[in-house]
PDB file of N, CA and C in Angstrom:
ATOM      1  N   UNK A   1      74.320 154.168 121.405  1.00  0.00           N
ATOM      2  CA  UNK A   1      74.928 156.079 122.244  1.00  0.00           C
ATOM      3  C   UNK A   1      76.402 155.216 122.524  1.00  0.00           C
ATOM      4  N   UNK A   2      77.041 156.460 122.271  1.00  0.00           N
ATOM      5  CA  UNK A   2      78.275 156.838 122.807  1.00  0.00           C
ATOM      6  C   UNK A   2      78.683 156.413 124.237  1.00  0.00           C
ATOM      7  N   UNK A   3      79.855 155.984 124.380  1.00  0.00           N
ATOM      8  CA  UNK A   3      79.815 155.728 125.642  1.00  0.00           C
ATOM      9  C   UNK A   3      81.437 156.394 126.075  1.00  0.00           C
ATOM     10  N   UNK A   4      81.516 157.368 127.580  1.00  0.00           N
ATOM     11  CA  UNK A   4      82.954 158.094 127.211  1.00  0.00           C
ATOM     12  C   UNK A   4      83.962 156.892 128.175  1.00  0.00           C
ATOM     13  N   UNK A   5      84.524 157.111 127.642  1.00  0.00           N
ATOM     14  CA  UNK A   5      85.716 156.272 128.360  1.00  0.00           C
ATOM     15  C   UNK A   5      87.019 157.619 129.042  1.00  0.00           C
ATOM     16  N   UNK A   6      87.431 157.913 128.778  1.00  0.00           N
ATOM     17  CA  UNK A   6      88.310 159.001 129.222  1.00  0.00           C
ATOM     18  C   UNK A   6      88.169 160.191 128.536  1.00  0.00           C
ATOM     19  N   UNK A   7      88.368 160.930 129.255  1.00  0.00           N
ATOM     20  CA  UNK A   7      88.847 163.258 128.725  1.00  0.00           C
ATOM     21  C   UNK A   7      89.632 163.648 129.502  1.00  0.00           C
ATOM     22  N   UNK A   8      90.288 164.408 129.035  1.00  0.00           N
ATOM     23  CA  UNK A   8      91.546 165.429 129.463  1.00  0.00           C
ATOM     24  C   UNK A   8      91.685 166.322 128.253  1.00  0.00           C
ATOM     25  N   UNK A   9      92.105 167.810 129.167  1.00  0.00           N
ATOM     26  CA  UNK A   9      92.400 168.615 128.603  1.00  0.00           C
ATOM     27  C   UNK A   9      93.971 169.029 127.985  1.00  0.00           C
ATOM     28  N   UNK A  10      94.336 167.652 128.394  1.00  0.00           N
ATOM     29  CA  UNK A  10      95.909 167.821 128.146  1.00  0.00           C
ATOM     30  C   UNK A  10      96.218 167.907 126.144  1.00  0.00           C
ATOM     31  N   UNK A  11      97.284 167.676 125.783  1.00  0.00           N
ATOM     32  CA  UNK A  11      97.805 167.926 124.056  1.00  0.00           C
ATOM     33  C   UNK A  11      98.335 166.021 124.113  1.00  0.00           C
ATOM     34  N   UNK A  12      97.479 165.156 123.252  1.00  0.00           N
ATOM     35  CA  UNK A  12      97.844 164.029 122.932  1.00  0.00           C
ATOM     36  C   UNK A  12      98.647 164.408 122.020  1.00  0.00           C
ATOM     37  N   UNK A  13      99.733 162.791 121.827  1.00  0.00           N
ATOM     38  CA  UNK A  13     100.161 162.344 120.130  1.00  0.00           C
ATOM     39  C   UNK A  13     100.124 161.500 119.659  1.00  0.00           C
ATOM     40  N   UNK A  14      99.557 161.312 118.592  1.00  0.00           N
ATOM     41  CA  UNK A  14      99.989 159.922 117.943  1.00  0.00           C
ATOM     42  C   UNK A  14     101.814 159.410 118.383  1.00  0.00           C
ATOM     43  N   UNK A  15     102.146 157.465 118.949  1.00  0.00           N
ATOM     44  CA  UNK A  15     102.771 158.339 119.748  1.00  0.00           C
ATOM     45  C   UNK A  15     103.979 156.821 118.796  1.00  0.00           C
ATOM     46  N   UNK A  16     103.325 155.482 118.672  1.00  0.00           N
ATOM     47  CA  UNK A  16     103.776 154.845 117.910  1.00  0.00           C
ATOM     48  C   UNK A  16     102.245 153.631 117.216  1.00  0.00           C
ATOM     49  N   UNK A  17     102.746 153.054 116.554  1.00  0.00           N
ATOM     50  CA  UNK A  17     102.124 152.178 116.146  1.00  0.00           C
ATOM     51  C   UNK A  17     102.831 150.452 115.722  1.00  0.00           C
ATOM     52  N   UNK A  18     102.786 149.536 116.196  1.00  0.00           N
ATOM     53  CA  UNK A  18     103.703 148.662 116.532  1.00  0.00           C
ATOM     54  C   UNK A  18     102.773 146.626 115.539  1.00  0.00           C
ATOM     55  N   UNK A  19     104.096 147.264 114.600  1.00  0.00           N
ATOM     56  CA  UNK A  19     102.517 146.652 113.751  1.00  0.00           C
ATOM     57  C   UNK A  19     102.734 145.075 113.624  1.00  0.00           C
ATOM     58  N   UNK A  20     103.944 144.252 114.161  1.00  0.00           N
ATOM     59  CA  UNK A  20     103.546 142.918 114.704  1.00  0.00           C
ATOM     60  C   UNK A  20     102.309 142.505 115.856  1.00  0.00           C
ATOM     61  N   UNK A  21     101.984 143.557 116.027  1.00  0.00           N
ATOM     62  CA  UNK A  21     101.115 143.581 117.494  1.00  0.00           C
ATOM     63  C   UNK A  21      99.192 144.536 117.239  1.00  0.00           C
ATOM     64  N   UNK A  22      99.203 145.059 116.339  1.00  0.00           N
ATOM     65  CA  UNK A  22      98.501 145.738 115.383  1.00  0.00           C
ATOM     66  C   UNK A  22      98.410 146.436 117.232  1.00  0.00           C
ATOM     67  N   UNK A  23      99.110 147.966 117.516  1.00  0.00           N
ATOM     68  CA  UNK A  23      98.565 148.221 119.036  1.00  0.00           C
ATOM     69  C   UNK A  23      99.205 149.650 118.517  1.00  0.00           C
ATOM     70  N   UNK A  24      98.505 150.866 118.680  1.00  0.00           N
ATOM     71  CA  UNK A  24      98.897 151.858 118.097  1.00  0.00           C
ATOM     72  C   UNK A  24      98.789 152.340 119.881  1.00  0.00           C
ATOM     73  N   UNK A  25      99.912 153.265 120.109  1.00  0.00           N
ATOM     74  CA  UNK A  25     100.005 154.550 121.294  1.00  0.00           C
ATOM     75  C   UNK A  25     100.167 155.755 121.413  1.00  0.00           C
ATOM     76  N   UNK A  26      98.878 156.404 121.734  1.00  0.00           N
ATOM     77  CA  UNK A  26      99.074 157.606 121.510  1.00  0.00           C
ATOM     78  C   UNK A  26      99.176 158.436 123.306  1.00  0.00           C
ATOM     79  N   UNK A  27     100.065 159.428 123.023  1.00  0.00           N
ATOM     80  CA  UNK A  27     100.499 160.020 124.461  1.00  0.00           C
ATOM     81  C   UNK A  27     100.147 161.437 124.920  1.00  0.00           C
ATOM     82  N   UNK A  28     100.750 161.736 126.109  1.00  0.00           N
ATOM     83  CA  UNK A  28     100.282 163.058 126.430  1.00  0.00           C
ATOM     84  C   UNK A  28     101.686 162.927 127.356  1.00  0.00           C
ATOM     85  N   UNK A  29     102.830 163.586 126.697  1.00  0.00           N
ATOM     86  CA  UNK A  29     104.331 163.856 128.138  1.00  0.00           C
ATOM     87  C   UNK A  29     104.183 164.188 128.869  1.00  0.00           C
ATOM     88  N   UNK A  30     104.796 163.822 130.048  1.00  0.00           N
ATOM     89  CA  UNK A  30     105.425 165.299 131.403  1.00  0.00           C
ATOM     90  C   UNK A  30     105.474 166.213 130.424  1.00  0.00           C
ATOM     91  N   UNK A  31     105.191 167.844 131.018  1.00  0.00           N
ATOM     92  CA  UNK A  31     106.127 168.705 130.756  1.00  0.00           C
ATOM     93  C   UNK A  31     106.246 169.640 132.432  1.00  0.00           C
ATOM     94  N   UNK A  32     106.100 170.995 131.852  1.00  0.00           N
ATOM     95  CA  UNK A  32     106.194 171.762 133.058  1.00  0.00           C
ATOM     96  C   UNK A  32     105.298 171.361 133.922  1.00  0.00           C
ATOM     97  N   UNK A  33     103.762 172.068 132.897  1.00  0.00           N
ATOM     98  CA  UNK A  33     102.423 171.665 133.412  1.00  0.00           C
ATOM     99  C   UNK A  33     102.395 170.739 134.127  1.00  0.00           C
ATOM    100  N   UNK A  34     102.399 169.503 133.613  1.00  0.00           N
ATOM    101  CA  UNK A  34     101.897 167.878 134.388  1.00  0.00           C
ATOM    102  C   UNK A  34     103.123 166.831 135.048  1.00  0.00           C
ATOM    103  N   UNK A  35     102.814 166.541 135.738  1.00  0.00           N
ATOM    104  CA  UNK A  35     104.181 165.961 136.738  1.00  0.00           C
ATOM    105  C   UNK A  35     104.135 164.349 135.718  1.00  0.00           C
ATOM    106  N   UNK A  36     102.606 163.998 135.347  1.00  0.00           N
ATOM    107  CA  UNK A  36     103.091 162.849 135.009  1.00  0.00           C
ATOM    108  C   UNK A  36     102.714 162.667 133.364  1.00  0.00           C
ATOM    109  N   UNK A  37     102.974 161.455 132.291  1.00  0.00           N
ATOM    110  CA  UNK A  37     102.356 161.714 130.832  1.00  0.00           C
ATOM    111  C   UNK A  37     101.249 160.361 131.191  1.00  0.00           C
ATOM    112  N   UNK A  38     100.263 160.308 130.587  1.00  0.00           N
ATOM    113  CA  UNK A  38      98.749 159.408 130.046  1.00  0.00           C
ATOM    114  C   UNK A  38      99.326 158.550 128.854  1.00  0.00           C
ATOM    115  N   UNK A  39      99.348 157.352 128.154  1.00  0.00           N
ATOM    116  CA  UNK A  39      99.775 157.066 127.321  1.00  0.00           C
ATOM    117  C   UNK A  39      98.027 155.941 126.752  1.00  0.00           C
ATOM    118  N   UNK A  40      97.717 156.212 126.617  1.00  0.00           N
ATOM    119  CA  UNK A  40      96.116 155.293 125.932  1.00  0.00           C
ATOM    120  C   UNK A  40      97.268 154.060 124.520  1.00  0.00           C
ATOM    121  N   UNK A  41      96.514 153.250 124.696  1.00  0.00           N
ATOM    122  CA  UNK A  41      97.076 152.021 124.015  1.00  0.00           C
ATOM    123  C   UNK A  41      95.629 151.174 123.493  1.00  0.00           C
ATOM    124  N   UNK A  42      95.781 151.137 122.011  1.00  0.00           N
ATOM    125  CA  UNK A  42      94.494 150.175 121.572  1.00  0.00           C
ATOM    126  C   UNK A  42      95.189 148.724 120.538  1.00  0.00           C
ATOM    127  N   UNK A  43      94.489 147.957 121.318  1.00  0.00           N
ATOM    128  CA  UNK A  43      95.483 146.508 120.989  1.00  0.00           C
ATOM    129  C   UNK A  43      94.081 145.943 119.845  1.00  0.00           C
ATOM    130  N   UNK A  44      94.713 145.384 119.140  1.00  0.00           N
ATOM    131  CA  UNK A  44      94.062 144.930 117.800  1.00  0.00           C
ATOM    132  C   UNK A  44      92.980 145.713 116.483  1.00  0.00           C
ATOM    133  N   UNK A  45      94.759 147.152 116.336  1.00  0.00           N
ATOM    134  CA  UNK A  45      93.625 147.622 116.037  1.00  0.00           C
ATOM    135  C   UNK A  45      93.330 147.024 114.052  1.00  0.00           C
ATOM    136  N   UNK A  46      92.086 147.450 113.418  1.00  0.00           N
ATOM    137  CA  UNK A  46      92.295 147.717 112.184  1.00  0.00           C
ATOM    138  C   UNK A  46      92.054 148.763 111.295  1.00  0.00           C
ATOM    139  N   UNK A  47      91.716 149.706 112.018  1.00  0.00           N
ATOM    140  CA  UNK A  47      91.513 150.859 110.709  1.00  0.00           C
ATOM    141  C   UNK A  47      91.503 152.192 111.870  1.00  0.00           C
ATOM    142  N   UNK A  48      92.588 153.195 111.167  1.00  0.00           N
ATOM    143  CA  UNK A  48      93.245 154.328 111.830  1.00  0.00           C
ATOM    144  C   UNK A  48      92.578 155.162 111.075  1.00  0.00           C
ATOM    145  N   UNK A  49      92.034 156.179 111.415  1.00  0.00           N
ATOM    146  CA  UNK A  49      91.940 157.648 110.853  1.00  0.00           C
ATOM    147  C   UNK A  49      91.898 158.843 112.188  1.00  0.00           C
ATOM    148  N   UNK A  50      92.996 159.735 112.106  1.00  0.00           N
ATOM    149  CA  UNK A  50      92.940 160.585 113.480  1.00  0.00           C
ATOM    150  C   UNK A  50      93.662 161.424 112.405  1.00  0.00           C
ATOM    151  N   UNK A  51      93.865 162.715 113.593  1.00  0.00           N
ATOM    152  CA  UNK A  51      94.906 163.271 113.004  1.00  0.00           C
ATOM    153  C   UNK A  51      96.377 162.750 114.194  1.00  0.00           C
ATOM    154  N   UNK A  52      97.294 163.754 114.203  1.00  0.00           N
ATOM    155  CA  UNK A  52      98.389 163.248 114.657  1.00  0.00           C
ATOM    156  C   UNK A  52      98.550 163.838 116.564  1.00  0.00           C
ATOM    157  N   UNK A  53      97.662 165.398 116.268  1.00  0.00           N
ATOM    158  CA  UNK A  53      97.886 165.366 117.529  1.00  0.00           C
ATOM    159  C   UNK A  53      96.259 165.895 117.659  1.00  0.00           C
ATOM    160  N   UNK A  54      95.736 166.016 119.247  1.00  0.00           N
ATOM    161  CA  UNK A  54      95.201 165.983 119.875  1.00  0.00           C
ATOM    162  C   UNK A  54      95.180 167.169 121.072  1.00  0.00           C
ATOM    163  N   UNK A  55      94.537 168.519 120.841  1.00  0.00           N
ATOM    164  CA  UNK A  55      94.475 169.339 122.148  1.00  0.00           C
ATOM    165  C   UNK A  55      93.705 168.909 122.787  1.00  0.00           C
ATOM    166  N   UNK A  56      93.452 168.627 124.167  1.00  0.00           N
ATOM    167  CA  UNK A  56      92.315 168.360 124.387  1.00  0.00           C
ATOM    168  C   UNK A  56      92.039 167.067 123.702  1.00  0.00           C
ATOM    169  N   UNK A  57      91.281 165.811 124.709  1.00  0.00           N
ATOM    170  CA  UNK A  57      91.122 164.921 124.055  1.00  0.00           C
ATOM    171  C   UNK A  57      89.803 164.021 124.314  1.00  0.00           C
ATOM    172  N   UNK A  58      88.903 163.643 124.073  1.00  0.00           N
ATOM    173  CA  UNK A  58      87.567 162.510 124.620  1.00  0.00           C
ATOM    174  C   UNK A  58      87.664 161.228 123.447  1.00  0.00           C
ATOM    175  N   UNK A  59      87.743 160.537 124.323  1.00  0.00           N
ATOM    176  CA  UNK A  59      87.188 159.485 123.251  1.00  0.00           C
ATOM    177  C   UNK A  59      86.411 158.190 124.159  1.00  0.00           C
ATOM    178  N   UNK A  60      85.463 157.859 123.173  1.00  0.00           N
ATOM    179  CA  UNK A  60      84.224 157.430 123.245  1.00  0.00           C
ATOM    180  C   UNK A  60      84.021 155.867 122.315  1.00  0.00           C
ATOM    181  N   UNK A  61      83.522 155.335 122.839  1.00  0.00           N
ATOM    182  CA  UNK A  61      82.566 153.714 122.078  1.00  0.00           C
ATOM    183  C   UNK A  61      81.809 154.641 120.746  1.00  0.00           C
ATOM    184  N   UNK A  62      82.000 153.977 119.945  1.00  0.00           N
ATOM    185  CA  UNK A  62      81.117 154.946 118.643  1.00  0.00           C
ATOM    186  C   UNK A  62      80.069 153.925 118.200  1.00  0.00           C
ATOM    187  N   UNK A  63      78.718 154.669 118.169  1.00  0.00           N
ATOM    188  CA  UNK A  63      77.927 153.546 117.344  1.00  0.00           C
ATOM    189  C   UNK A  63      77.818 153.538 116.254  1.00  0.00           C
ATOM    190  N   UNK A  64      77.908 152.291 116.028  1.00  0.00           N
ATOM    191  CA  UNK A  64      78.487 151.213 115.034  1.00  0.00           C
ATOM    192  C   UNK A  64      77.187 151.911 113.733  1.00  0.00           C
ATOM    193  N   UNK A  65      76.355 152.458 113.891  1.00  0.00           N
ATOM    194  CA  UNK A  65      75.364 153.093 113.049  1.00  0.00           C
ATOM    195  C   UNK A  65      75.784 154.385 112.750  1.00  0.00           C
ATOM    196  N   UNK A  66      76.010 154.789 113.055  1.00  0.00           N
ATOM    197  CA  UNK A  66      76.761 156.201 112.934  1.00  0.00           C
ATOM    198  C   UNK A  66      78.033 156.242 112.126  1.00  0.00           C
ATOM    199  N   UNK A  67      78.792 155.158 112.142  1.00  0.00           N
ATOM    200  CA  UNK A  67      80.231 155.167 111.170  1.00  0.00           C
ATOM    201  C   UNK A  67      80.181 153.529 110.430  1.00  0.00           C
ATOM    202  N   UNK A  68      79.168 153.078 109.881  1.00  0.00           N
ATOM    203  CA  UNK A  68      78.866 152.065 109.082  1.00  0.00           C
ATOM    204  C   UNK A  68      80.075 151.371 108.636  1.00  0.00           C
ATOM    205  N   UNK A  69      80.089 152.525 107.935  1.00  0.00           N
ATOM    206  CA  UNK A  69      81.804 152.589 106.297  1.00  0.00           C
ATOM    207  C   UNK A  69      83.250 151.792 107.303  1.00  0.00           C
ATOM    208  N   UNK A  70      83.156 152.317 108.702  1.00  0.00           N
ATOM    209  CA  UNK A  70      84.030 151.452 109.292  1.00  0.00           C
ATOM    210  C   UNK A  70      83.937 149.773 109.567  1.00  0.00           C
ATOM    211  N   UNK A  71      82.568 149.231 109.120  1.00  0.00           N
ATOM    212  CA  UNK A  71      81.873 148.286 110.380  1.00  0.00           C
ATOM    213  C   UNK A  71      81.718 147.154 108.486  1.00  0.00           C
ATOM    214  N   UNK A  72      82.676 147.555 107.479  1.00  0.00           N
ATOM    215  CA  UNK A  72      82.518 146.689 106.264  1.00  0.00           C
ATOM    216  C   UNK A  72      83.420 146.181 105.720  1.00  0.00           C
ATOM    217  N   UNK A  73      83.683 145.316 105.063  1.00  0.00           N
ATOM    218  CA  UNK A  73      85.121 144.672 104.752  1.00  0.00           C
ATOM    219  C   UNK A  73      85.408 144.132 105.471  1.00  0.00           C
ATOM    220  N   UNK A  74      86.877 143.921 105.687  1.00  0.00           N
ATOM    221  CA  UNK A  74      88.206 143.397 106.483  1.00  0.00           C
ATOM    222  C   UNK A  74      87.993 143.725 108.278  1.00  0.00           C
ATOM    223  N   UNK A  75      86.601 145.054 108.256  1.00  0.00           N
ATOM    224  CA  UNK A  75      87.010 145.207 109.870  1.00  0.00           C
ATOM    225  C   UNK A  75      85.711 145.108 110.550  1.00  0.00           C
ATOM    226  N   UNK A  76      84.798 143.890 109.543  1.00  0.00           N
ATOM    227  CA  UNK A  76      83.704 143.751 110.227  1.00  0.00           C
ATOM    228  C   UNK A  76      83.767 142.393 110.618  1.00  0.00           C
ATOM    229  N   UNK A  77      83.639 142.556 112.174  1.00  0.00           N
ATOM    230  CA  UNK A  77      83.831 141.673 113.265  1.00  0.00           C
ATOM    231  C   UNK A  77      83.216 141.644 114.561  1.00  0.00           C
ATOM    232  N   UNK A  78      82.604 141.007 115.101  1.00  0.00           N
ATOM    233  CA  UNK A  78      82.575 141.303 116.791  1.00  0.00           C
ATOM    234  C   UNK A  78      83.118 142.011 117.872  1.00  0.00           C
ATOM    235  N   UNK A  79      83.884 141.415 117.712  1.00  0.00           N
ATOM    236  CA  UNK A  79      85.389 141.528 118.988  1.00  0.00           C
ATOM    237  C   UNK A  79      85.633 143.023 118.662  1.00  0.00           C
ATOM    238  N   UNK A  80      85.553 143.094 117.357  1.00  0.00           N
ATOM    239  CA  UNK A  80      86.008 145.101 117.462  1.00  0.00           C
ATOM    240  C   UNK A  80      85.265 146.493 117.987  1.00  0.00           C
ATOM    241  N   UNK A  81      85.336 146.908 118.108  1.00  0.00           N
ATOM    242  CA  UNK A  81      84.708 148.011 118.694  1.00  0.00           C
ATOM    243  C   UNK A  81      85.271 149.456 117.757  1.00  0.00           C
ATOM    244  N   UNK A  82      84.181 150.576 117.512  1.00  0.00           N
ATOM    245  CA  UNK A  82      85.107 151.678 117.141  1.00  0.00           C
ATOM    246  C   UNK A  82      85.012 152.508 118.187  1.00  0.00           C
ATOM    247  N   UNK A  83      86.498 153.192 118.340  1.00  0.00           N
ATOM    248  CA  UNK A  83      86.644 154.424 119.333  1.00  0.00           C
ATOM    249  C   UNK A  83      86.685 155.780 118.188  1.00  0.00           C
ATOM    250  N   UNK A  84      86.349 156.744 119.314  1.00  0.00           N
ATOM    251  CA  UNK A  84      85.533 157.794 118.125  1.00  0.00           C
ATOM    252  C   UNK A  84      86.513 158.861 119.487  1.00  0.00           C
ATOM    253  N   UNK A  85      88.007 159.523 118.978  1.00  0.00           N
ATOM    254  CA  UNK A  85      88.202 160.083 119.625  1.00  0.00           C
ATOM    255  C   UNK A  85      87.983 161.706 119.035  1.00  0.00           C
ATOM    256  N   UNK A  86      87.701 162.547 119.993  1.00  0.00           N
ATOM    257  CA  UNK A  86      87.679 163.856 119.713  1.00  0.00           C
ATOM    258  C   UNK A  86      88.497 164.894 120.353  1.00  0.00           C
ATOM    259  N   UNK A  87      88.532 166.242 119.887  1.00  0.00           N
ATOM    260  CA  UNK A  87      89.071 167.416 120.295  1.00  0.00           C
ATOM    261  C   UNK A  87      88.078 168.452 120.381  1.00  0.00           C
ATOM    262  N   UNK A  88      88.768 169.955 120.271  1.00  0.00           N
ATOM    263  CA  UNK A  88      88.034 171.135 120.237  1.00  0.00           C
ATOM    264  C   UNK A  88      88.092 171.767 119.084  1.00  0.00           C
ATOM    265  N   UNK A  89      88.835 170.769 117.960  1.00  0.00           N
ATOM    266  CA  UNK A  89      89.039 171.180 116.648  1.00  0.00           C
ATOM    267  C   UNK A  89      88.159 169.763 116.051  1.00  0.00           C
ATOM    268  N   UNK A  90      88.198 168.616 115.657  1.00  0.00           N
ATOM    269  CA  UNK A  90      87.794 167.543 114.473  1.00  0.00           C
ATOM    270  C   UNK A  90      87.652 165.976 115.513  1.00  0.00           C
ATOM    271  N   UNK A  91      87.346 165.237 115.207  1.00  0.00           N
ATOM    272  CA  UNK A  91      87.118 164.077 115.475  1.00  0.00           C
ATOM    273  C   UNK A  91      87.867 163.150 114.287  1.00  0.00           C
ATOM    274  N   UNK A  92      88.448 161.826 115.213  1.00  0.00           N
ATOM    275  CA  UNK A  92      88.802 160.510 114.523  1.00  0.00           C
ATOM    276  C   UNK A  92      88.202 159.128 114.889  1.00  0.00           C
ATOM    277  N   UNK A  93      88.990 158.045 114.331  1.00  0.00           N
ATOM    278  CA  UNK A  93      88.016 157.199 115.126  1.00  0.00           C
ATOM    279  C   UNK A  93      89.594 156.309 115.149  1.00  0.00           C
ATOM    280  N   UNK A  94      89.163 155.209 116.188  1.00  0.00           N
ATOM    281  CA  UNK A  94      89.821 153.916 115.546  1.00  0.00           C
ATOM    282  C   UNK A  94      89.436 152.704 115.482  1.00  0.00           C
ATOM    283  N   UNK A  95      89.124 151.121 114.834  1.00  0.00           N
ATOM    284  CA  UNK A  95      88.796 150.594 115.321  1.00  0.00           C
ATOM    285  C   UNK A  95      89.362 149.480 115.877  1.00  0.00           C
ATOM    286  N   UNK A  96      89.183 149.469 116.976  1.00  0.00           N
ATOM    287  CA  UNK A  96      89.993 148.078 117.471  1.00  0.00           C
ATOM    288  C   UNK A  96      89.514 146.946 118.412  1.00  0.00           C
ATOM    289  N   UNK A  97      90.008 145.850 119.195  1.00  0.00           N
ATOM    290  CA  UNK A  97      89.288 145.322 120.023  1.00  0.00           C
ATOM    291  C   UNK A  97      89.350 145.643 121.577  1.00  0.00           C
ATOM    292  N   UNK A  98      90.636 146.653 122.160  1.00  0.00           N
ATOM    293  CA  UNK A  98      90.048 147.003 123.113  1.00  0.00           C
ATOM    294  C   UNK A  98      91.189 148.529 123.358  1.00  0.00           C
ATOM    295  N   UNK A  99      90.496 149.025 124.188  1.00  0.00           N
ATOM    296  CA  UNK A  99      91.382 150.630 124.716  1.00  0.00           C
ATOM    297  C   UNK A  99      92.328 150.448 125.967  1.00  0.00           C
ATOM    298  N   UNK A 100      93.564 151.334 126.036  1.00  0.00           N
ATOM    299  CA  UNK A 100      94.129 150.551 127.482  1.00  0.00           C
ATOM    300  C   UNK A 100      94.930 151.866 128.461  1.00  0.00           C
ATOM    301  N   UNK A 101      95.034 151.888 129.281  1.00  0.00           N
ATOM    302  CA  UNK A 101      95.067 153.961 130.076  1.00  0.00           C
ATOM    303  C   UNK A 101      96.436 153.579 130.884  1.00  0.00           C
ATOM    304  N   UNK A 102      96.769 154.230 130.629  1.00  0.00           N
ATOM    305  CA  UNK A 102      98.161 154.298 131.652  1.00  0.00           C
ATOM    306  C   UNK A 102      98.900 155.521 132.265  1.00  0.00           C
ATOM    307  N   UNK A 103      98.819 156.056 133.543  1.00  0.00           N
ATOM    308  CA  UNK A 103      99.553 157.556 133.565  1.00  0.00           C
ATOM    309  C   UNK A 103     100.891 156.802 135.002  1.00  0.00           C
ATOM    310  N   UNK A 104     101.906 156.863 134.020  1.00  0.00           N
ATOM    311  CA  UNK A 104     103.128 156.961 134.866  1.00  0.00           C
ATOM    312  C   UNK A 104     104.312 158.332 135.239  1.00  0.00           C
ATOM    313  N   UNK A 105     105.065 157.917 135.782  1.00  0.00           N
ATOM    314  CA  UNK A 105     106.201 159.622 136.087  1.00  0.00           C
ATOM    315  C   UNK A 105     106.999 159.338 134.758  1.00  0.00           C
ATOM    316  N   UNK A 106     107.268 158.046 133.707  1.00  0.00           N
ATOM    317  CA  UNK A 106     107.959 158.123 133.379  1.00  0.00           C
ATOM    318  C   UNK A 106     108.763 158.981 131.830  1.00  0.00           C
ATOM    319  N   UNK A 107     109.919 159.180 131.581  1.00  0.00           N
ATOM    320  CA  UNK A 107     110.464 160.432 130.953  1.00  0.00           C
ATOM    321  C   UNK A 107     109.842 160.397 129.578  1.00  0.00           C
ATOM    322  N   UNK A 108     109.973 161.342 128.562  1.00  0.00           N
ATOM    323  CA  UNK A 108     109.508 161.084 127.383  1.00  0.00           C
ATOM    324  C   UNK A 108     109.852 159.677 126.079  1.00  0.00           C
ATOM    325  N   UNK A 109     111.222 159.179 126.479  1.00  0.00           N
ATOM    326  CA  UNK A 109     111.430 158.692 125.533  1.00  0.00           C
ATOM    327  C   UNK A 109     111.135 156.817 126.581  1.00  0.00           C
ATOM    328  N   UNK A 110     111.103 156.856 127.392  1.00  0.00           N
ATOM    329  CA  UNK A 110     110.884 155.531 128.482  1.00  0.00           C
ATOM    330  C   UNK A 110     110.010 154.847 127.210  1.00  0.00           C
ATOM    331  N   UNK A 111     109.862 153.553 127.181  1.00  0.00           N
ATOM    332  CA  UNK A 111     109.086 152.483 126.432  1.00  0.00           C
ATOM    333  C   UNK A 111     107.838 152.826 127.689  1.00  0.00           C
ATOM    334  N   UNK A 112     106.843 152.764 126.809  1.00  0.00           N
ATOM    335  CA  UNK A 112     105.687 152.863 128.085  1.00  0.00           C
ATOM    336  C   UNK A 112     105.454 151.160 129.006  1.00  0.00           C
ATOM    337  N   UNK A 113     104.762 151.994 129.826  1.00  0.00           N
ATOM    338  CA  UNK A 113     104.417 150.712 130.839  1.00  0.00           C
ATOM    339  C   UNK A 113     103.693 149.889 131.133  1.00  0.00           C
ATOM    340  N   UNK A 114     102.542 150.583 129.791  1.00  0.00           N
ATOM    341  CA  UNK A 114     101.556 149.449 129.119  1.00  0.00           C
ATOM    342  C   UNK A 114     101.454 148.648 128.555  1.00  0.00           C
ATOM    343  N   UNK A 115     103.117 148.722 127.895  1.00  0.00           N
ATOM    344  CA  UNK A 115     102.766 147.172 126.118  1.00  0.00           C
ATOM    345  C   UNK A 115     104.244 146.670 127.521  1.00  0.00           C
ATOM    346  N   UNK A 116     103.911 145.923 128.099  1.00  0.00           N
ATOM    347  CA  UNK A 116     104.618 144.414 128.683  1.00  0.00           C
ATOM    348  C   UNK A 116     104.185 143.523 127.978  1.00  0.00           C
ATOM    349  N   UNK A 117     105.624 142.399 128.763  1.00  0.00           N
ATOM    350  CA  UNK A 117     105.058 141.234 128.366  1.00  0.00           C
ATOM    351  C   UNK A 117     103.176 140.697 128.681  1.00  0.00           C
ATOM    352  N   UNK A 118     102.285 141.261 129.664  1.00  0.00           N
ATOM    353  CA  UNK A 118     101.222 141.137 130.283  1.00  0.00           C
ATOM    354  C   UNK A 118     100.693 141.903 129.008  1.00  0.00           C
ATOM    355  N   UNK A 119     101.103 143.115 128.418  1.00  0.00           N
ATOM    356  CA  UNK A 119      99.973 143.393 127.420  1.00  0.00           C
ATOM    357  C   UNK A 119     100.199 143.072 125.945  1.00  0.00           C
ATOM    358  N   UNK A 120     101.319 142.130 125.736  1.00  0.00           N
ATOM    359  CA  UNK A 120     101.227 141.997 124.290  1.00  0.00           C
ATOM    360  C   UNK A 120     100.738 140.366 123.906  1.00  0.00           C
TER     361      UNK A 120
END
């Protein structure tokens, strides 16, 4: 059974991938409608199967039995979780060790508050 981690009606974009730390950031920037930005950080990423933009976003941990193809080969180890990302059009997956959320009032191109020395 999937456990919902996060849900939002905002638009999110794949923002960055830090190869050396296997970290993926998905961001919803500030706008006229929203005074904050939201960053979603996936750490220890081993597989990404996503669109680059989500209009509305639901993140859940996926039932491994429903996505067995991701648990094979180089992706198969106990520390990895399968995160399902859904929007009103479709869904995708990220396999990673963890998912961390951060909401702040920083600007569009400011470095993520969630990627700090404490999170590397």
